[in-house]
Amino acid sequence: MYKELNSYKEYLKTYDWNEARKNALNKSKYKCQLCGKKNIKLNVHHNTYENLGKEKEEDLIVLCDKCHEKFHDIVATGDKHEN
């Protein structure tokens, strides 16, 4: 749907993304879905980019900065176990 946009950053400025982000935050009760922390900065992370503009619930996860960084480290290294 959003293939005509020049960049992912442009998509993040759209009404569709703002609604998807708001829905994900509400669903998570404004808590990190990995560690459960709240009252901190939260990121809504895409598990997949296949459904941009029509994200499914399972396409998004709400993460605090620390868990978001760990999530990217795990994906980058392929390591699914924390030492």
N, C-alpha and C. Protein backbone atom coordinates (compact mmCIF):
# COMPACT_ATOMS: atom_id res chain seq x y z
N MET A 1 0.82 -1.20 0.00
CA MET A 1 0.00 0.00 0.00
C MET A 1 0.86 1.26 0.00
N TYR A 2 1.97 1.22 0.74
CA TYR A 2 2.80 2.42 0.84
C TYR A 2 4.08 2.32 0.02
N LYS A 3 4.08 1.48 -0.99
CA LYS A 3 5.27 1.34 -1.82
C LYS A 3 5.58 2.61 -2.59
N GLU A 4 4.58 3.48 -2.77
CA GLU A 4 4.81 4.72 -3.51
C GLU A 4 5.54 5.76 -2.67
N LEU A 5 5.62 5.57 -1.38
CA LEU A 5 6.35 6.52 -0.54
C LEU A 5 7.84 6.35 -0.75
N ASN A 6 8.56 7.46 -0.65
CA ASN A 6 10.00 7.44 -0.87
C ASN A 6 10.76 6.75 0.24
N SER A 7 10.19 6.75 1.44
CA SER A 7 10.94 6.16 2.53
C SER A 7 10.02 5.72 3.66
N TYR A 8 10.57 4.86 4.47
CA TYR A 8 9.87 4.40 5.66
C TYR A 8 9.59 5.57 6.60
N LYS A 9 10.53 6.51 6.67
CA LYS A 9 10.36 7.69 7.53
C LYS A 9 9.12 8.49 7.11
N GLU A 10 8.84 8.54 5.85
CA GLU A 10 7.63 9.24 5.37
C GLU A 10 6.39 8.52 5.87
N TYR A 11 6.42 7.19 5.83
CA TYR A 11 5.28 6.41 6.30
C TYR A 11 5.00 6.70 7.77
N LEU A 12 6.05 6.86 8.57
CA LEU A 12 5.89 7.10 10.00
C LEU A 12 5.21 8.44 10.31
N LYS A 13 5.03 9.28 9.32
CA LYS A 13 4.34 10.57 9.49
C LYS A 13 2.86 10.49 9.09
N THR A 14 2.41 9.34 8.65
CA THR A 14 1.05 9.23 8.12
C THR A 14 0.02 8.97 9.20
N TYR A 15 -1.21 9.26 8.86
CA TYR A 15 -2.35 8.99 9.74
C TYR A 15 -2.44 7.49 10.04
N ASP A 16 -2.27 6.65 9.02
CA ASP A 16 -2.36 5.20 9.20
C ASP A 16 -1.37 4.71 10.25
N TRP A 17 -0.12 5.19 10.18
CA TRP A 17 0.86 4.76 11.17
C TRP A 17 0.50 5.28 12.56
N ASN A 18 0.09 6.53 12.66
CA ASN A 18 -0.28 7.07 13.97
C ASN A 18 -1.40 6.27 14.61
N GLU A 19 -2.35 5.83 13.82
CA GLU A 19 -3.46 5.00 14.35
C GLU A 19 -2.96 3.62 14.77
N ALA A 20 -2.12 3.00 13.95
CA ALA A 20 -1.59 1.68 14.28
C ALA A 20 -0.74 1.77 15.55
N ARG A 21 0.06 2.81 15.65
CA ARG A 21 0.91 3.01 16.83
C ARG A 21 0.06 3.20 18.08
N LYS A 22 -0.95 4.05 17.96
CA LYS A 22 -1.84 4.31 19.10
C LYS A 22 -2.54 3.03 19.55
N ASN A 23 -3.00 2.23 18.59
CA ASN A 23 -3.67 0.96 18.92
C ASN A 23 -2.72 0.00 19.62
N ALA A 24 -1.48 -0.08 19.16
CA ALA A 24 -0.49 -0.97 19.79
C ALA A 24 -0.19 -0.52 21.22
N LEU A 25 -0.05 0.78 21.42
CA LEU A 25 0.21 1.30 22.77
C LEU A 25 -0.96 1.02 23.70
N ASN A 26 -2.17 1.24 23.20
CA ASN A 26 -3.36 0.96 24.02
C ASN A 26 -3.44 -0.52 24.38
N LYS A 27 -3.20 -1.38 23.40
CA LYS A 27 -3.26 -2.83 23.63
C LYS A 27 -2.24 -3.27 24.69
N SER A 28 -1.06 -2.65 24.67
CA SER A 28 -0.01 -3.01 25.63
C SER A 28 -0.19 -2.32 26.98
N LYS A 29 -1.23 -1.49 27.07
CA LYS A 29 -1.49 -0.70 28.29
C LYS A 29 -0.29 0.19 28.63
N TYR A 30 0.35 0.69 27.56
CA TYR A 30 1.48 1.60 27.68
C TYR A 30 2.61 1.01 28.52
N LYS A 31 2.87 -0.30 28.31
CA LYS A 31 3.97 -1.00 28.98
C LYS A 31 4.80 -1.72 27.93
N CYS A 32 6.08 -1.88 28.22
CA CYS A 32 6.95 -2.69 27.37
C CYS A 32 6.42 -4.12 27.40
N GLN A 33 6.25 -4.71 26.25
CA GLN A 33 5.69 -6.05 26.17
C GLN A 33 6.71 -7.14 26.50
N LEU A 34 7.97 -6.76 26.70
CA LEU A 34 8.97 -7.75 27.11
C LEU A 34 9.27 -7.67 28.61
N CYS A 35 9.57 -6.46 29.11
CA CYS A 35 9.97 -6.35 30.52
C CYS A 35 8.85 -5.81 31.42
N GLY A 36 7.80 -5.25 30.83
CA GLY A 36 6.67 -4.76 31.60
C GLY A 36 6.82 -3.36 32.17
N LYS A 37 7.94 -2.69 31.88
CA LYS A 37 8.14 -1.33 32.41
C LYS A 37 7.13 -0.38 31.78
N LYS A 38 6.72 0.61 32.59
CA LYS A 38 5.83 1.65 32.09
C LYS A 38 6.33 3.01 32.57
N ASN A 39 5.67 4.05 32.15
CA ASN A 39 6.07 5.42 32.46
C ASN A 39 7.48 5.72 31.95
N ILE A 40 7.81 5.14 30.81
CA ILE A 40 9.08 5.39 30.14
C ILE A 40 8.82 5.54 28.64
N LYS A 41 9.84 5.98 27.90
CA LYS A 41 9.69 6.10 26.45
C LYS A 41 9.48 4.71 25.85
N LEU A 42 8.48 4.59 25.00
CA LEU A 42 8.17 3.31 24.36
C LEU A 42 8.28 3.43 22.85
N ASN A 43 8.75 2.37 22.23
CA ASN A 43 8.86 2.27 20.78
C ASN A 43 7.85 1.24 20.29
N VAL A 44 7.20 1.55 19.20
CA VAL A 44 6.34 0.55 18.56
C VAL A 44 7.15 0.01 17.39
N HIS A 45 7.54 -1.25 17.51
CA HIS A 45 8.46 -1.89 16.58
C HIS A 45 7.70 -2.79 15.61
N HIS A 46 8.08 -2.73 14.35
CA HIS A 46 7.50 -3.62 13.34
C HIS A 46 8.20 -4.97 13.39
N ASN A 47 7.45 -6.05 13.53
CA ASN A 47 8.00 -7.39 13.39
C ASN A 47 8.16 -7.75 11.93
N THR A 48 7.35 -7.11 11.09
CA THR A 48 7.41 -7.30 9.64
C THR A 48 6.99 -5.99 8.98
N TYR A 49 7.49 -5.76 7.78
CA TYR A 49 7.13 -4.56 7.03
C TYR A 49 6.19 -4.90 5.87
N GLU A 50 5.72 -6.11 5.83
CA GLU A 50 4.89 -6.57 4.72
C GLU A 50 3.52 -5.90 4.66
N ASN A 51 3.02 -5.43 5.81
CA ASN A 51 1.66 -4.89 5.85
C ASN A 51 1.61 -3.40 6.17
N LEU A 52 2.61 -2.65 5.73
CA LEU A 52 2.62 -1.22 6.01
C LEU A 52 1.32 -0.57 5.57
N GLY A 53 0.72 0.17 6.48
CA GLY A 53 -0.54 0.84 6.18
C GLY A 53 -1.75 0.01 6.53
N LYS A 54 -1.53 -1.25 6.78
CA LYS A 54 -2.62 -2.15 7.19
C LYS A 54 -2.07 -3.20 8.15
N GLU A 55 -1.26 -2.72 9.11
CA GLU A 55 -0.61 -3.60 10.06
C GLU A 55 -1.63 -4.45 10.81
N LYS A 56 -1.26 -5.71 11.01
CA LYS A 56 -2.04 -6.60 11.84
C LYS A 56 -1.51 -6.48 13.26
N GLU A 57 -2.30 -6.88 14.23
CA GLU A 57 -1.89 -6.80 15.63
C GLU A 57 -0.54 -7.45 15.86
N GLU A 58 -0.33 -8.62 15.26
CA GLU A 58 0.91 -9.36 15.48
C GLU A 58 2.12 -8.77 14.74
N ASP A 59 1.88 -7.78 13.89
CA ASP A 59 2.97 -7.13 13.17
C ASP A 59 3.76 -6.17 14.05
N LEU A 60 3.19 -5.76 15.18
CA LEU A 60 3.78 -4.73 16.02
C LEU A 60 4.01 -5.22 17.44
N ILE A 61 5.06 -4.70 18.07
CA ILE A 61 5.34 -4.97 19.47
C ILE A 61 5.81 -3.67 20.12
N VAL A 62 5.38 -3.43 21.35
CA VAL A 62 5.74 -2.22 22.08
C VAL A 62 6.92 -2.56 22.99
N LEU A 63 8.01 -1.79 22.84
CA LEU A 63 9.24 -2.06 23.57
C LEU A 63 9.82 -0.78 24.17
N CYS A 64 10.41 -0.90 25.37
CA CYS A 64 11.17 0.22 25.93
C CYS A 64 12.49 0.31 25.15
N ASP A 65 13.25 1.37 25.35
CA ASP A 65 14.50 1.53 24.61
C ASP A 65 15.46 0.36 24.84
N LYS A 66 15.59 -0.09 26.08
CA LYS A 66 16.53 -1.16 26.40
C LYS A 66 16.13 -2.46 25.69
N CYS A 67 14.86 -2.82 25.76
CA CYS A 67 14.39 -4.04 25.10
C CYS A 67 14.42 -3.90 23.58
N HIS A 68 14.16 -2.71 23.08
CA HIS A 68 14.21 -2.46 21.65
C HIS A 68 15.63 -2.70 21.14
N GLU A 69 16.61 -2.20 21.89
CA GLU A 69 18.01 -2.40 21.51
C GLU A 69 18.36 -3.89 21.55
N LYS A 70 17.95 -4.58 22.61
CA LYS A 70 18.20 -6.03 22.72
C LYS A 70 17.55 -6.78 21.56
N PHE A 71 16.33 -6.38 21.23
CA PHE A 71 15.60 -7.02 20.14
C PHE A 71 16.39 -6.92 18.85
N HIS A 72 16.92 -5.73 18.55
CA HIS A 72 17.71 -5.55 17.33
C HIS A 72 19.01 -6.33 17.39
N ASP A 73 19.63 -6.41 18.55
CA ASP A 73 20.86 -7.20 18.69
C ASP A 73 20.58 -8.67 18.42
N ILE A 74 19.48 -9.20 18.92
CA ILE A 74 19.12 -10.60 18.71
C ILE A 74 18.87 -10.86 17.23
N VAL A 75 18.14 -9.97 16.59
CA VAL A 75 17.83 -10.14 15.16
C VAL A 75 19.12 -10.05 14.33
N ALA A 76 19.99 -9.11 14.69
CA ALA A 76 21.23 -8.92 13.92
C ALA A 76 22.17 -10.11 14.05
N THR A 77 22.24 -10.71 15.23
CA THR A 77 23.18 -11.80 15.45
C THR A 77 22.53 -13.17 15.22
N GLY A 78 21.21 -13.19 15.22
CA GLY A 78 20.51 -14.46 15.09
C GLY A 78 20.46 -15.24 16.38
N ASP A 79 20.97 -14.64 17.47
CA ASP A 79 21.00 -15.29 18.78
C ASP A 79 19.68 -15.05 19.49
N LYS A 80 19.00 -16.13 19.84
CA LYS A 80 17.71 -16.02 20.47
C LYS A 80 17.80 -16.28 21.97
N HIS A 81 18.99 -16.49 22.49
CA HIS A 81 19.16 -16.80 23.91
C HIS A 81 20.09 -15.76 24.52
N GLU A 82 19.68 -15.24 25.68
CA GLU A 82 20.51 -14.27 26.38
C GLU A 82 21.47 -15.02 27.30
N ASN A 83 22.73 -14.63 27.30
CA ASN A 83 23.73 -15.29 28.16
C ASN A 83 23.71 -14.71 29.55
